Amino acid sequence: MAMSIGKLSSEHERRTGVPCDITPDDTPPSWRSRCICAMLRLLRVKKRLATAAAVRDATHRLALRPASHRPKGLGGGLKVTLMHGAGWPVYHTASRIRPDGGNIVVFLHGGGYIHEIARAHWRFIGLLTRDGSRCVVPIYPLAPAATAGDVVPATGLLLRKVLREAEHAKVIVIGNSAGAGLALAAAQWLRDHGYRQPDGLVLISPGVNASLDSPERKAIAARDPLLDIPGTVEGARLYAGGLDVTHPYVSPLNGDFRDLPPMLVFSGTRDMLYPDSIELAAKARAAGVPVEFHLRKGQPHNYPGLPTPEGRQARAIILRAATRGLR
């Protein structure tokens, strides 16, 4: 680990004055997890984010081909309905056996604000749906054509509509990576406009600080098999549009945490974003927001989606939260 959790916690407290008592799960990573990290390094996945130019080239290529957001990998036995909200495609999934039962999960996909929803996201949505949840999946528009100044308020309004129509069901918002950042920013928007909050936020490897400017970041990024600093910062700059990247729409870590819903947060120490999850949990707790934080040693970005023991454990916790709610 490039810097100990204790040192990160002390640095956070020095900068902000907010005490931070985060303790990671020190269980050594499983052999499956170590193999996946090694494979990702061999495949050089992170070269896509190695430079700002690589990200700009990717957005240009993606803009030239039709968007592909149809559900792939959901599995059988589900009812899928395509509707529209905020001017976007919005998919609704439910069990064919109990299409009107269960809590509601609003799923906000990751992809650095420049990539469409992927098969891995749909597999996770299928898992949630088969476990009894009804899922609402907005296909929000991507940068640079769409930017945070429009996407965050529109997501907030869509959440408000879901909350108004939920009746007695709980509404849990689950986001991974960029989608987790969008979930937190939209919750802050709801609060600022006097609207009801969701019943919980599940934030998986959240991208909540677009600056990536903490001094320890470079050393942690060197161990991350997926993410790199230059491309991640460029993607956030494109998403920011006319806003500064420190604006809470882009970097909701800089926003106000008072009166937000309970949070369930997952991160791993081989994810270059994990220092921000530590700060997020500390700021939320200081504001009186209940937080359950799972920080796993040696786990990469989005580890709850991986076919590893650590991923299965995280998914079981998320499924339980979707079914029973967060406390």
C-alpha atoms as a PDB file:
ATOM      1  CA  MET A   1       0.000   0.000   0.000  1.00  0.00           C
ATOM      2  CA  ALA A   2       1.510   3.361  -0.998  1.00  0.00           C
ATOM      3  CA  MET A   3       0.409   5.176   2.163  1.00  0.00           C
ATOM      4  CA  SER A   4      -1.100   3.629   5.262  1.00  0.00           C
ATOM      5  CA  ILE A   5      -4.758   4.185   6.080  1.00  0.00           C
ATOM      6  CA  GLY A   6      -3.615   5.796   9.313  1.00  0.00           C
ATOM      7  CA  LYS A   7      -1.526   8.361   7.429  1.00  0.00           C
ATOM      8  CA  LEU A   8      -4.371   9.045   4.994  1.00  0.00           C
ATOM      9  CA  SER A   9      -6.759   9.530   7.919  1.00  0.00           C
ATOM     10  CA  SER A  10      -4.304  11.882   9.654  1.00  0.00           C
ATOM     11  CA  GLU A  11      -3.820  13.864   6.427  1.00  0.00           C
ATOM     12  CA  HIS A  12      -7.596  14.155   6.021  1.00  0.00           C
ATOM     13  CA  GLU A  13      -7.991  15.404   9.599  1.00  0.00           C
ATOM     14  CA  ARG A  14      -5.141  17.902   9.131  1.00  0.00           C
ATOM     15  CA  ARG A  15      -6.732  19.340   5.964  1.00  0.00           C
ATOM     16  CA  THR A  16     -10.337  19.419   7.116  1.00  0.00           C
ATOM     17  CA  GLY A  17     -10.388  19.296  10.904  1.00  0.00           C
ATOM     18  CA  VAL A  18     -12.823  16.350  10.657  1.00  0.00           C
ATOM     19  CA  PRO A  19     -11.762  13.241  12.624  1.00  0.00           C
ATOM     20  CA  CYS A  20     -11.471  10.092  10.522  1.00  0.00           C
ATOM     21  CA  ASP A  21     -11.586   6.641  12.148  1.00  0.00           C
ATOM     22  CA  ILE A  22     -11.604   4.420   9.055  1.00  0.00           C
ATOM     23  CA  THR A  23     -10.179   0.935   9.524  1.00  0.00           C
ATOM     24  CA  PRO A  24      -9.773  -1.298   6.454  1.00  0.00           C
ATOM     25  CA  ASP A  25     -10.510  -4.991   6.326  1.00  0.00           C
ATOM     26  CA  ASP A  26      -6.959  -6.348   6.454  1.00  0.00           C
ATOM     27  CA  THR A  27      -7.890  -9.786   5.113  1.00  0.00           C
ATOM     28  CA  PRO A  28      -5.344 -10.574   2.372  1.00  0.00           C
ATOM     29  CA  PRO A  29      -6.846 -10.524  -1.129  1.00  0.00           C
ATOM     30  CA  SER A  30      -7.936 -13.892  -2.477  1.00  0.00           C
ATOM     31  CA  TRP A  31      -5.906 -15.643  -5.166  1.00  0.00           C
ATOM     32  CA  ARG A  32      -8.738 -14.979  -7.626  1.00  0.00           C
ATOM     33  CA  SER A  33      -8.546 -11.266  -6.911  1.00  0.00           C
ATOM     34  CA  ARG A  34      -4.763 -11.249  -7.280  1.00  0.00           C
ATOM     35  CA  CYS A  35      -5.061 -13.123 -10.598  1.00  0.00           C
ATOM     36  CA  ILE A  36      -7.617 -10.661 -11.957  1.00  0.00           C
ATOM     37  CA  CYS A  37      -5.426  -7.682 -11.022  1.00  0.00           C
ATOM     38  CA  ALA A  38      -2.443  -9.351 -12.700  1.00  0.00           C
ATOM     39  CA  MET A  39      -4.508 -10.094 -15.810  1.00  0.00           C
ATOM     40  CA  LEU A  40      -5.706  -6.494 -16.026  1.00  0.00           C
ATOM     41  CA  ARG A  41      -2.107  -5.332 -15.895  1.00  0.00           C
ATOM     42  CA  LEU A  42      -1.078  -7.750 -18.632  1.00  0.00           C
ATOM     43  CA  LEU A  43      -3.963  -6.541 -20.805  1.00  0.00           C
ATOM     44  CA  ARG A  44      -2.867  -2.945 -20.185  1.00  0.00           C
ATOM     45  CA  VAL A  45      -6.449  -1.867 -19.593  1.00  0.00           C
ATOM     46  CA  LYS A  46      -5.411   1.354 -17.903  1.00  0.00           C
ATOM     47  CA  LYS A  47      -3.653   2.644 -21.050  1.00  0.00           C
ATOM     48  CA  ARG A  48      -7.108   3.960 -22.060  1.00  0.00           C
ATOM     49  CA  LEU A  49      -6.718   6.498 -19.243  1.00  0.00           C
ATOM     50  CA  ALA A  50      -2.969   7.042 -19.440  1.00  0.00           C
ATOM     51  CA  THR A  51      -3.256  10.418 -21.208  1.00  0.00           C
ATOM     52  CA  ALA A  52      -5.796  13.158 -21.747  1.00  0.00           C
ATOM     53  CA  ALA A  53      -5.374  12.680 -25.510  1.00  0.00           C
ATOM     54  CA  ALA A  54      -6.397   9.015 -25.249  1.00  0.00           C
ATOM     55  CA  VAL A  55      -9.663  10.037 -23.586  1.00  0.00           C
ATOM     56  CA  ARG A  56     -10.381  12.762 -26.140  1.00  0.00           C
ATOM     57  CA  ASP A  57      -9.748  10.304 -28.974  1.00  0.00           C
ATOM     58  CA  ALA A  58     -12.092   7.799 -27.320  1.00  0.00           C
ATOM     59  CA  THR A  59     -14.902  10.346 -27.012  1.00  0.00           C
ATOM     60  CA  HIS A  60     -14.509  11.272 -30.689  1.00  0.00           C
ATOM     61  CA  ARG A  61     -14.711   7.612 -31.748  1.00  0.00           C
ATOM     62  CA  LEU A  62     -17.705   6.938 -29.503  1.00  0.00           C
ATOM     63  CA  ALA A  63     -19.528   9.989 -30.889  1.00  0.00           C
ATOM     64  CA  LEU A  64     -19.260   8.585 -34.432  1.00  0.00           C
ATOM     65  CA  ARG A  65     -21.092   5.334 -33.686  1.00  0.00           C
ATOM     66  CA  PRO A  66     -24.685   4.815 -32.560  1.00  0.00           C
ATOM     67  CA  ALA A  67     -25.219   4.549 -28.820  1.00  0.00           C
ATOM     68  CA  SER A  68     -25.741   0.988 -27.630  1.00  0.00           C
ATOM     69  CA  HIS A  69     -27.735   0.847 -24.413  1.00  0.00           C
ATOM     70  CA  ARG A  70     -30.042  -2.128 -24.962  1.00  0.00           C
ATOM     71  CA  PRO A  71     -30.021  -4.602 -22.080  1.00  0.00           C
ATOM     72  CA  LYS A  72     -27.448  -7.326 -22.705  1.00  0.00           C
ATOM     73  CA  GLY A  73     -26.692  -9.888 -20.029  1.00  0.00           C
ATOM     74  CA  LEU A  74     -29.804  -9.400 -17.887  1.00  0.00           C
ATOM     75  CA  GLY A  75     -30.726 -13.077 -17.986  1.00  0.00           C
ATOM     76  CA  GLY A  76     -34.201 -14.575 -18.255  1.00  0.00           C
ATOM     77  CA  GLY A  77     -37.385 -14.417 -16.235  1.00  0.00           C
ATOM     78  CA  LEU A  78     -37.578 -10.620 -16.166  1.00  0.00           C
ATOM     79  CA  LYS A  79     -39.998  -8.042 -17.470  1.00  0.00           C
ATOM     80  CA  VAL A  80     -38.201  -5.150 -19.204  1.00  0.00           C
ATOM     81  CA  THR A  81     -39.966  -1.934 -20.186  1.00  0.00           C
ATOM     82  CA  LEU A  82     -38.437   1.023 -22.010  1.00  0.00           C
ATOM     83  CA  MET A  83     -39.869   4.398 -21.041  1.00  0.00           C
ATOM     84  CA  HIS A  84     -38.530   7.941 -21.067  1.00  0.00           C
ATOM     85  CA  GLY A  85     -37.762  10.461 -18.361  1.00  0.00           C
ATOM     86  CA  ALA A  86     -35.821  13.728 -18.436  1.00  0.00           C
ATOM     87  CA  GLY A  87     -35.778  13.193 -22.219  1.00  0.00           C
ATOM     88  CA  TRP A  88     -33.645  10.057 -21.754  1.00  0.00           C
ATOM     89  CA  PRO A  89     -34.314   6.363 -22.302  1.00  0.00           C
ATOM     90  CA  VAL A  90     -35.177   4.815 -18.927  1.00  0.00           C
ATOM     91  CA  TYR A  91     -35.418   1.048 -18.551  1.00  0.00           C
ATOM     92  CA  HIS A  92     -37.595  -0.569 -15.903  1.00  0.00           C
ATOM     93  CA  THR A  93     -36.933  -4.167 -14.890  1.00  0.00           C
ATOM     94  CA  ALA A  94     -39.083  -6.367 -12.674  1.00  0.00           C
ATOM     95  CA  SER A  95     -39.676 -10.009 -11.889  1.00  0.00           C
ATOM     96  CA  ARG A  96     -42.338 -11.599 -14.080  1.00  0.00           C
ATOM     97  CA  ILE A  97     -43.669 -13.351 -10.999  1.00  0.00           C
ATOM     98  CA  ARG A  98     -44.007 -10.215  -8.814  1.00  0.00           C
ATOM     99  CA  PRO A  99     -43.768  -7.256 -11.195  1.00  0.00           C
ATOM    100  CA  ASP A 100     -45.214  -4.802  -8.658  1.00  0.00           C
ATOM    101  CA  GLY A 101     -43.448  -6.099  -5.542  1.00  0.00           C
ATOM    102  CA  GLY A 102     -40.212  -5.241  -3.820  1.00  0.00           C
ATOM    103  CA  ASN A 103     -38.271  -2.060  -3.291  1.00  0.00           C
ATOM    104  CA  ILE A 104     -37.130   0.200  -6.109  1.00  0.00           C
ATOM    105  CA  VAL A 105     -33.481   0.497  -7.106  1.00  0.00           C
ATOM    106  CA  VAL A 106     -32.409   3.398  -9.296  1.00  0.00           C
ATOM    107  CA  PHE A 107     -29.166   2.238 -10.908  1.00  0.00           C
ATOM    108  CA  LEU A 108     -26.717   4.844 -12.236  1.00  0.00           C
ATOM    109  CA  HIS A 109     -23.999   3.209 -14.290  1.00  0.00           C
ATOM    110  CA  GLY A 110     -20.308   4.052 -14.335  1.00  0.00           C
ATOM    111  CA  GLY A 111     -18.038   4.700 -17.290  1.00  0.00           C
ATOM    112  CA  GLY A 112     -16.282   7.950 -16.507  1.00  0.00           C
ATOM    113  CA  TYR A 113     -19.212   9.963 -17.938  1.00  0.00           C
ATOM    114  CA  ILE A 114     -18.007   9.060 -21.448  1.00  0.00           C
ATOM    115  CA  HIS A 115     -18.975   5.383 -21.797  1.00  0.00           C
ATOM    116  CA  GLU A 116     -22.418   3.839 -22.211  1.00  0.00           C
ATOM    117  CA  ILE A 117     -23.851   1.276 -19.839  1.00  0.00           C
ATOM    118  CA  ALA A 118     -22.061  -2.060 -20.230  1.00  0.00           C
ATOM    119  CA  ARG A 119     -22.952  -5.754 -20.091  1.00  0.00           C
ATOM    120  CA  ALA A 120     -21.443  -6.038 -16.588  1.00  0.00           C
ATOM    121  CA  HIS A 121     -23.863  -3.359 -15.371  1.00  0.00           C
ATOM    122  CA  TRP A 122     -26.832  -5.211 -16.875  1.00  0.00           C
ATOM    123  CA  ARG A 123     -25.716  -8.454 -15.215  1.00  0.00           C
ATOM    124  CA  PHE A 124     -25.733  -6.684 -11.867  1.00  0.00           C
ATOM    125  CA  ILE A 125     -29.165  -5.177 -12.595  1.00  0.00           C
ATOM    126  CA  GLY A 126     -30.424  -8.666 -13.477  1.00  0.00           C
ATOM    127  CA  LEU A 127     -29.106  -9.974 -10.151  1.00  0.00           C
ATOM    128  CA  LEU A 128     -30.880  -7.190  -8.251  1.00  0.00           C
ATOM    129  CA  THR A 129     -34.124  -7.805 -10.138  1.00  0.00           C
ATOM    130  CA  ARG A 130     -34.119 -11.571  -9.618  1.00  0.00           C
ATOM    131  CA  ASP A 131     -33.546 -10.923  -5.921  1.00  0.00           C
ATOM    132  CA  GLY A 132     -36.860  -9.050  -5.789  1.00  0.00           C
ATOM    133  CA  SER A 133     -36.091  -5.400  -6.532  1.00  0.00           C
ATOM    134  CA  ARG A 134     -37.663  -3.321  -9.269  1.00  0.00           C
ATOM    135  CA  CYS A 135     -34.911  -1.453 -11.092  1.00  0.00           C
ATOM    136  CA  VAL A 136     -35.052   1.913 -12.818  1.00  0.00           C
ATOM    137  CA  VAL A 137     -32.088   2.438 -15.146  1.00  0.00           C
ATOM    138  CA  PRO A 138     -31.671   5.917 -16.684  1.00  0.00           C
ATOM    139  CA  ILE A 139     -29.474   6.059 -19.765  1.00  0.00           C
ATOM    140  CA  TYR A 140     -28.129   9.510 -19.042  1.00  0.00           C
ATOM    141  CA  PRO A 141     -26.359  11.392 -21.877  1.00  0.00           C
ATOM    142  CA  LEU A 142     -22.581  11.473 -21.933  1.00  0.00           C
ATOM    143  CA  ALA A 143     -19.806  14.035 -22.102  1.00  0.00           C
ATOM    144  CA  PRO A 144     -18.817  16.096 -23.905  1.00  0.00           C
ATOM    145  CA  ALA A 145     -22.258  16.456 -25.555  1.00  0.00           C
ATOM    146  CA  ALA A 146     -23.916  16.527 -22.123  1.00  0.00           C
ATOM    147  CA  THR A 147     -22.344  18.078 -19.038  1.00  0.00           C
ATOM    148  CA  ALA A 148     -22.866  18.141 -15.288  1.00  0.00           C
ATOM    149  CA  GLY A 149     -24.807  21.398 -15.301  1.00  0.00           C
ATOM    150  CA  ASP A 150     -27.632  19.623 -17.129  1.00  0.00           C
ATOM    151  CA  VAL A 151     -27.195  15.985 -16.079  1.00  0.00           C
ATOM    152  CA  VAL A 152     -27.238  16.485 -12.301  1.00  0.00           C
ATOM    153  CA  PRO A 153     -30.485  18.525 -12.104  1.00  0.00           C
ATOM    154  CA  ALA A 154     -32.169  16.209 -14.633  1.00  0.00           C
ATOM    155  CA  THR A 155     -31.151  13.173 -12.566  1.00  0.00           C
ATOM    156  CA  GLY A 156     -32.474  14.898  -9.460  1.00  0.00           C
ATOM    157  CA  LEU A 157     -35.831  15.530 -11.133  1.00  0.00           C
ATOM    158  CA  LEU A 158     -36.001  11.931 -12.330  1.00  0.00           C
ATOM    159  CA  LEU A 159     -35.323  10.717  -8.786  1.00  0.00           C
ATOM    160  CA  ARG A 160     -38.011  13.054  -7.482  1.00  0.00           C
ATOM    161  CA  LYS A 161     -40.513  11.482  -9.892  1.00  0.00           C
ATOM    162  CA  VAL A 162     -39.538   7.944  -8.829  1.00  0.00           C
ATOM    163  CA  LEU A 163     -39.844   8.929  -5.162  1.00  0.00           C
ATOM    164  CA  ARG A 164     -43.287  10.491  -5.690  1.00  0.00           C
ATOM    165  CA  GLU A 165     -44.558   7.363  -7.438  1.00  0.00           C
ATOM    166  CA  ALA A 166     -42.951   4.812  -5.103  1.00  0.00           C
ATOM    167  CA  GLU A 167     -45.918   4.593  -2.705  1.00  0.00           C
ATOM    168  CA  HIS A 168     -44.810   2.302   0.159  1.00  0.00           C
ATOM    169  CA  ALA A 169     -41.688   0.929  -1.527  1.00  0.00           C
ATOM    170  CA  LYS A 170     -38.271   2.092  -0.416  1.00  0.00           C
ATOM    171  CA  VAL A 171     -36.121   3.774  -3.054  1.00  0.00           C
ATOM    172  CA  ILE A 172     -32.417   2.910  -3.002  1.00  0.00           C
ATOM    173  CA  VAL A 173     -30.009   4.600  -5.427  1.00  0.00           C
ATOM    174  CA  ILE A 174     -27.058   2.442  -6.465  1.00  0.00           C
ATOM    175  CA  GLY A 175     -24.210   3.925  -8.466  1.00  0.00           C
ATOM    176  CA  ASN A 176     -20.797   2.673  -9.410  1.00  0.00           C
ATOM    177  CA  SER A 177     -17.771   4.859 -10.129  1.00  0.00           C
ATOM    178  CA  ALA A 178     -18.992   7.935 -12.065  1.00  0.00           C
ATOM    179  CA  GLY A 179     -22.569   6.788 -11.448  1.00  0.00           C
ATOM    180  CA  ALA A 180     -21.889   6.905  -7.701  1.00  0.00           C
ATOM    181  CA  GLY A 181     -20.665  10.466  -8.050  1.00  0.00           C
ATOM    182  CA  LEU A 182     -23.820  11.340  -9.969  1.00  0.00           C
ATOM    183  CA  ALA A 183     -25.948   9.660  -7.276  1.00  0.00           C
ATOM    184  CA  LEU A 184     -24.352  11.736  -4.515  1.00  0.00           C
ATOM    185  CA  ALA A 185     -24.576  14.984  -6.517  1.00  0.00           C
ATOM    186  CA  ALA A 186     -28.258  14.321  -7.326  1.00  0.00           C
ATOM    187  CA  ALA A 187     -29.023  13.649  -3.650  1.00  0.00           C
ATOM    188  CA  GLN A 188     -27.404  16.970  -2.738  1.00  0.00           C
ATOM    189  CA  TRP A 189     -29.486  18.652  -5.469  1.00  0.00           C
ATOM    190  CA  LEU A 190     -32.696  17.120  -4.055  1.00  0.00           C
ATOM    191  CA  ARG A 191     -31.810  18.353  -0.574  1.00  0.00           C
ATOM    192  CA  ASP A 192     -30.956  21.854  -1.786  1.00  0.00           C
ATOM    193  CA  HIS A 193     -34.335  22.111  -3.548  1.00  0.00           C
ATOM    194  CA  GLY A 194     -36.347  20.882  -0.575  1.00  0.00           C
ATOM    195  CA  TYR A 195     -37.320  17.516  -2.040  1.00  0.00           C
ATOM    196  CA  ARG A 196     -37.493  14.148  -0.321  1.00  0.00           C
ATOM    197  CA  GLN A 197     -34.332  12.075  -0.162  1.00  0.00           C
ATOM    198  CA  PRO A 198     -34.014   8.449  -1.307  1.00  0.00           C
ATOM    199  CA  ASP A 199     -34.040   5.850   1.450  1.00  0.00           C
ATOM    200  CA  GLY A 200     -30.373   5.081   0.886  1.00  0.00           C
ATOM    201  CA  LEU A 201     -27.331   5.511  -1.343  1.00  0.00           C
ATOM    202  CA  VAL A 202     -25.110   2.577  -2.299  1.00  0.00           C
ATOM    203  CA  LEU A 203     -21.846   4.000  -3.638  1.00  0.00           C
ATOM    204  CA  ILE A 204     -19.478   1.525  -5.293  1.00  0.00           C
ATOM    205  CA  SER A 205     -15.932   2.836  -5.843  1.00  0.00           C
ATOM    206  CA  PRO A 206     -17.347   6.362  -5.995  1.00  0.00           C
ATOM    207  CA  GLY A 207     -15.810   9.011  -8.221  1.00  0.00           C
ATOM    208  CA  VAL A 208     -16.528  12.100  -6.136  1.00  0.00           C
ATOM    209  CA  ASN A 209     -13.408  14.278  -6.503  1.00  0.00           C
ATOM    210  CA  ALA A 210     -12.468  15.268 -10.042  1.00  0.00           C
ATOM    211  CA  SER A 211      -9.326  17.131  -8.991  1.00  0.00           C
ATOM    212  CA  LEU A 212      -7.436  13.988  -7.889  1.00  0.00           C
ATOM    213  CA  ASP A 213      -4.976  16.411  -6.344  1.00  0.00           C
ATOM    214  CA  SER A 214      -4.084  14.782  -3.022  1.00  0.00           C
ATOM    215  CA  PRO A 215      -0.324  14.271  -2.605  1.00  0.00           C
ATOM    216  CA  GLU A 216      -0.508  10.497  -2.167  1.00  0.00           C
ATOM    217  CA  ARG A 217      -2.542   9.934  -5.355  1.00  0.00           C
ATOM    218  CA  LYS A 218       0.320   9.307  -7.771  1.00  0.00           C
ATOM    219  CA  ALA A 219       1.773   6.480  -5.691  1.00  0.00           C
ATOM    220  CA  ILE A 220      -1.637   4.826  -5.285  1.00  0.00           C
ATOM    221  CA  ALA A 221      -2.387   5.193  -9.017  1.00  0.00           C
ATOM    222  CA  ALA A 222       0.810   3.304  -9.823  1.00  0.00           C
ATOM    223  CA  ARG A 223      -0.704   0.221  -8.126  1.00  0.00           C
ATOM    224  CA  ASP A 224      -4.162   0.610  -9.680  1.00  0.00           C
ATOM    225  CA  PRO A 225      -4.607  -1.920 -12.533  1.00  0.00           C
ATOM    226  CA  LEU A 226      -7.557  -0.056 -14.082  1.00  0.00           C
ATOM    227  CA  LEU A 227      -7.469   3.696 -13.554  1.00  0.00           C
ATOM    228  CA  ASP A 228      -4.895   6.391 -14.218  1.00  0.00           C
ATOM    229  CA  ILE A 229      -4.847  10.045 -13.289  1.00  0.00           C
ATOM    230  CA  PRO A 230      -4.485  11.959 -16.612  1.00  0.00           C
ATOM    231  CA  GLY A 231      -7.397  10.301 -18.426  1.00  0.00           C
ATOM    232  CA  THR A 232      -9.693  10.321 -15.406  1.00  0.00           C
ATOM    233  CA  VAL A 233      -9.071  14.025 -14.905  1.00  0.00           C
ATOM    234  CA  GLU A 234      -9.722  14.702 -18.609  1.00  0.00           C
ATOM    235  CA  GLY A 235     -12.998  12.788 -18.561  1.00  0.00           C
ATOM    236  CA  ALA A 236     -14.106  14.855 -15.565  1.00  0.00           C
ATOM    237  CA  ARG A 237     -13.064  18.079 -17.353  1.00  0.00           C
ATOM    238  CA  LEU A 238     -15.212  17.158 -20.353  1.00  0.00           C
ATOM    239  CA  TYR A 239     -18.135  16.350 -18.045  1.00  0.00           C
ATOM    240  CA  ALA A 240     -17.681  19.629 -16.147  1.00  0.00           C
ATOM    241  CA  GLY A 241     -18.268  21.690 -19.293  1.00  0.00           C
ATOM    242  CA  GLY A 242     -18.466  25.308 -18.190  1.00  0.00           C
ATOM    243  CA  LEU A 243     -18.211  24.451 -14.497  1.00  0.00           C
ATOM    244  CA  ASP A 244     -15.014  24.239 -12.525  1.00  0.00           C
ATOM    245  CA  VAL A 245     -14.074  20.633 -11.757  1.00  0.00           C
ATOM    246  CA  THR A 246     -14.313  21.470  -8.049  1.00  0.00           C
ATOM    247  CA  HIS A 247     -18.028  22.314  -8.363  1.00  0.00           C
ATOM    248  CA  PRO A 248     -20.175  19.907  -6.294  1.00  0.00           C
ATOM    249  CA  TYR A 249     -22.024  18.770  -9.430  1.00  0.00           C
ATOM    250  CA  VAL A 250     -18.689  17.393 -10.681  1.00  0.00           C
ATOM    251  CA  SER A 251     -16.973  16.767  -7.337  1.00  0.00           C
ATOM    252  CA  PRO A 252     -19.771  16.119  -4.822  1.00  0.00           C
ATOM    253  CA  LEU A 253     -17.146  15.449  -2.142  1.00  0.00           C
ATOM    254  CA  ASN A 254     -16.980  19.271  -1.992  1.00  0.00           C
ATOM    255  CA  GLY A 255     -20.730  19.543  -1.379  1.00  0.00           C
ATOM    256  CA  ASP A 256     -22.722  19.730   1.843  1.00  0.00           C
ATOM    257  CA  PHE A 257     -23.429  16.352   3.479  1.00  0.00           C
ATOM    258  CA  ARG A 258     -26.110  17.457   5.930  1.00  0.00           C
ATOM    259  CA  ASP A 259     -29.520  15.704   5.730  1.00  0.00           C
ATOM    260  CA  LEU A 260     -28.432  13.127   3.160  1.00  0.00           C
ATOM    261  CA  PRO A 261     -29.733   9.538   3.338  1.00  0.00           C
ATOM    262  CA  PRO A 262     -27.864   6.602   4.898  1.00  0.00           C
ATOM    263  CA  MET A 263     -24.935   5.415   2.786  1.00  0.00           C
ATOM    264  CA  LEU A 264     -23.319   2.086   2.010  1.00  0.00           C
ATOM    265  CA  VAL A 265     -19.854   2.624   0.498  1.00  0.00           C
ATOM    266  CA  PHE A 266     -17.417   0.141  -1.068  1.00  0.00           C
ATOM    267  CA  SER A 267     -13.804   0.742  -2.011  1.00  0.00           C
ATOM    268  CA  GLY A 268     -10.485  -1.084  -2.238  1.00  0.00           C
ATOM    269  CA  THR A 269      -6.910  -0.061  -1.565  1.00  0.00           C
ATOM    270  CA  ARG A 270      -5.803  -0.799  -5.169  1.00  0.00           C
ATOM    271  CA  ASP A 271      -8.273   1.800  -6.420  1.00  0.00           C
ATOM    272  CA  MET A 272      -6.702   5.235  -6.838  1.00  0.00           C
ATOM    273  CA  LEU A 273     -10.046   6.780  -5.812  1.00  0.00           C
ATOM    274  CA  TYR A 274     -10.110   5.186  -2.368  1.00  0.00           C
ATOM    275  CA  PRO A 275      -8.719   8.193  -0.423  1.00  0.00           C
ATOM    276  CA  ASP A 276     -11.834  10.096  -1.515  1.00  0.00           C
ATOM    277  CA  SER A 277     -14.066   7.324  -0.160  1.00  0.00           C
ATOM    278  CA  ILE A 278     -12.321   7.686   3.199  1.00  0.00           C
ATOM    279  CA  GLU A 279     -12.991  11.427   3.158  1.00  0.00           C
ATOM    280  CA  LEU A 280     -16.569  10.901   1.963  1.00  0.00           C
ATOM    281  CA  ALA A 281     -17.338   8.532   4.852  1.00  0.00           C
ATOM    282  CA  ALA A 282     -15.724  10.876   7.374  1.00  0.00           C
ATOM    283  CA  LYS A 283     -17.584  13.969   6.112  1.00  0.00           C
ATOM    284  CA  ALA A 284     -20.903  12.121   6.043  1.00  0.00           C
ATOM    285  CA  ARG A 285     -20.474  10.831   9.582  1.00  0.00           C
ATOM    286  CA  ALA A 286     -19.466  14.310  10.788  1.00  0.00           C
ATOM    287  CA  ALA A 287     -22.745  15.600   9.303  1.00  0.00           C
ATOM    288  CA  GLY A 288     -24.734  12.944  11.179  1.00  0.00           C
ATOM    289  CA  VAL A 289     -25.342  10.705   8.164  1.00  0.00           C
ATOM    290  CA  PRO A 290     -25.193   6.952   8.912  1.00  0.00           C
ATOM    291  CA  VAL A 291     -22.449   5.302   6.839  1.00  0.00           C
ATOM    292  CA  GLU A 292     -21.471   1.660   6.469  1.00  0.00           C
ATOM    293  CA  PHE A 293     -18.064   1.649   4.799  1.00  0.00           C
ATOM    294  CA  HIS A 294     -16.394  -1.473   3.391  1.00  0.00           C
ATOM    295  CA  LEU A 295     -12.738  -0.801   2.568  1.00  0.00           C
ATOM    296  CA  ARG A 296     -11.015  -3.991   1.396  1.00  0.00           C
ATOM    297  CA  LYS A 297      -7.273  -4.459   1.289  1.00  0.00           C
ATOM    298  CA  GLY A 298      -5.816  -5.095  -2.191  1.00  0.00           C
ATOM    299  CA  GLN A 299      -9.123  -4.739  -4.043  1.00  0.00           C
ATOM    300  CA  PRO A 300      -9.354  -2.805  -7.341  1.00  0.00           C
ATOM    301  CA  HIS A 301     -11.890  -0.337  -8.663  1.00  0.00           C
ATOM    302  CA  ASN A 302     -15.449  -1.727  -8.762  1.00  0.00           C
ATOM    303  CA  TYR A 303     -14.439  -4.929  -6.982  1.00  0.00           C
ATOM    304  CA  PRO A 304     -18.071  -5.708  -5.957  1.00  0.00           C
ATOM    305  CA  GLY A 305     -18.733  -6.593  -9.598  1.00  0.00           C
ATOM    306  CA  LEU A 306     -15.876  -9.077  -9.943  1.00  0.00           C
ATOM    307  CA  PRO A 307     -16.154 -12.907  -9.871  1.00  0.00           C
ATOM    308  CA  THR A 308     -14.115 -13.137  -6.672  1.00  0.00           C
ATOM    309  CA  PRO A 309     -14.917 -14.060  -3.058  1.00  0.00           C
ATOM    310  CA  GLU A 310     -14.644 -10.376  -2.150  1.00  0.00           C
ATOM    311  CA  GLY A 311     -17.024  -9.456  -4.971  1.00  0.00           C
ATOM    312  CA  ARG A 312     -19.570 -12.087  -3.909  1.00  0.00           C
ATOM    313  CA  GLN A 313     -19.446 -10.873  -0.312  1.00  0.00           C
ATOM    314  CA  ALA A 314     -20.012  -7.277  -1.402  1.00  0.00           C
ATOM    315  CA  ARG A 315     -22.891  -8.248  -3.691  1.00  0.00           C
ATOM    316  CA  ALA A 316     -24.589 -10.124  -0.858  1.00  0.00           C
ATOM    317  CA  ILE A 317     -24.404  -6.994   1.305  1.00  0.00           C
ATOM    318  CA  ILE A 318     -25.805  -4.846  -1.529  1.00  0.00           C
ATOM    319  CA  LEU A 319     -28.668  -7.273  -2.229  1.00  0.00           C
ATOM    320  CA  ARG A 320     -29.559  -7.272   1.461  1.00  0.00           C
ATOM    321  CA  ALA A 321     -29.560  -3.450   1.511  1.00  0.00           C
ATOM    322  CA  ALA A 322     -31.785  -3.299  -1.586  1.00  0.00           C
ATOM    323  CA  THR A 323     -34.266  -5.729  -0.032  1.00  0.00           C
ATOM    324  CA  ARG A 324     -34.316  -4.469   3.544  1.00  0.00           C
ATOM    325  CA  GLY A 325     -33.153  -0.890   3.151  1.00  0.00           C
ATOM    326  CA  LEU A 326     -30.255   0.894   4.852  1.00  0.00           C
ATOM    327  CA  ARG A 327     -30.278   1.737   8.515  1.00  0.00           C
END
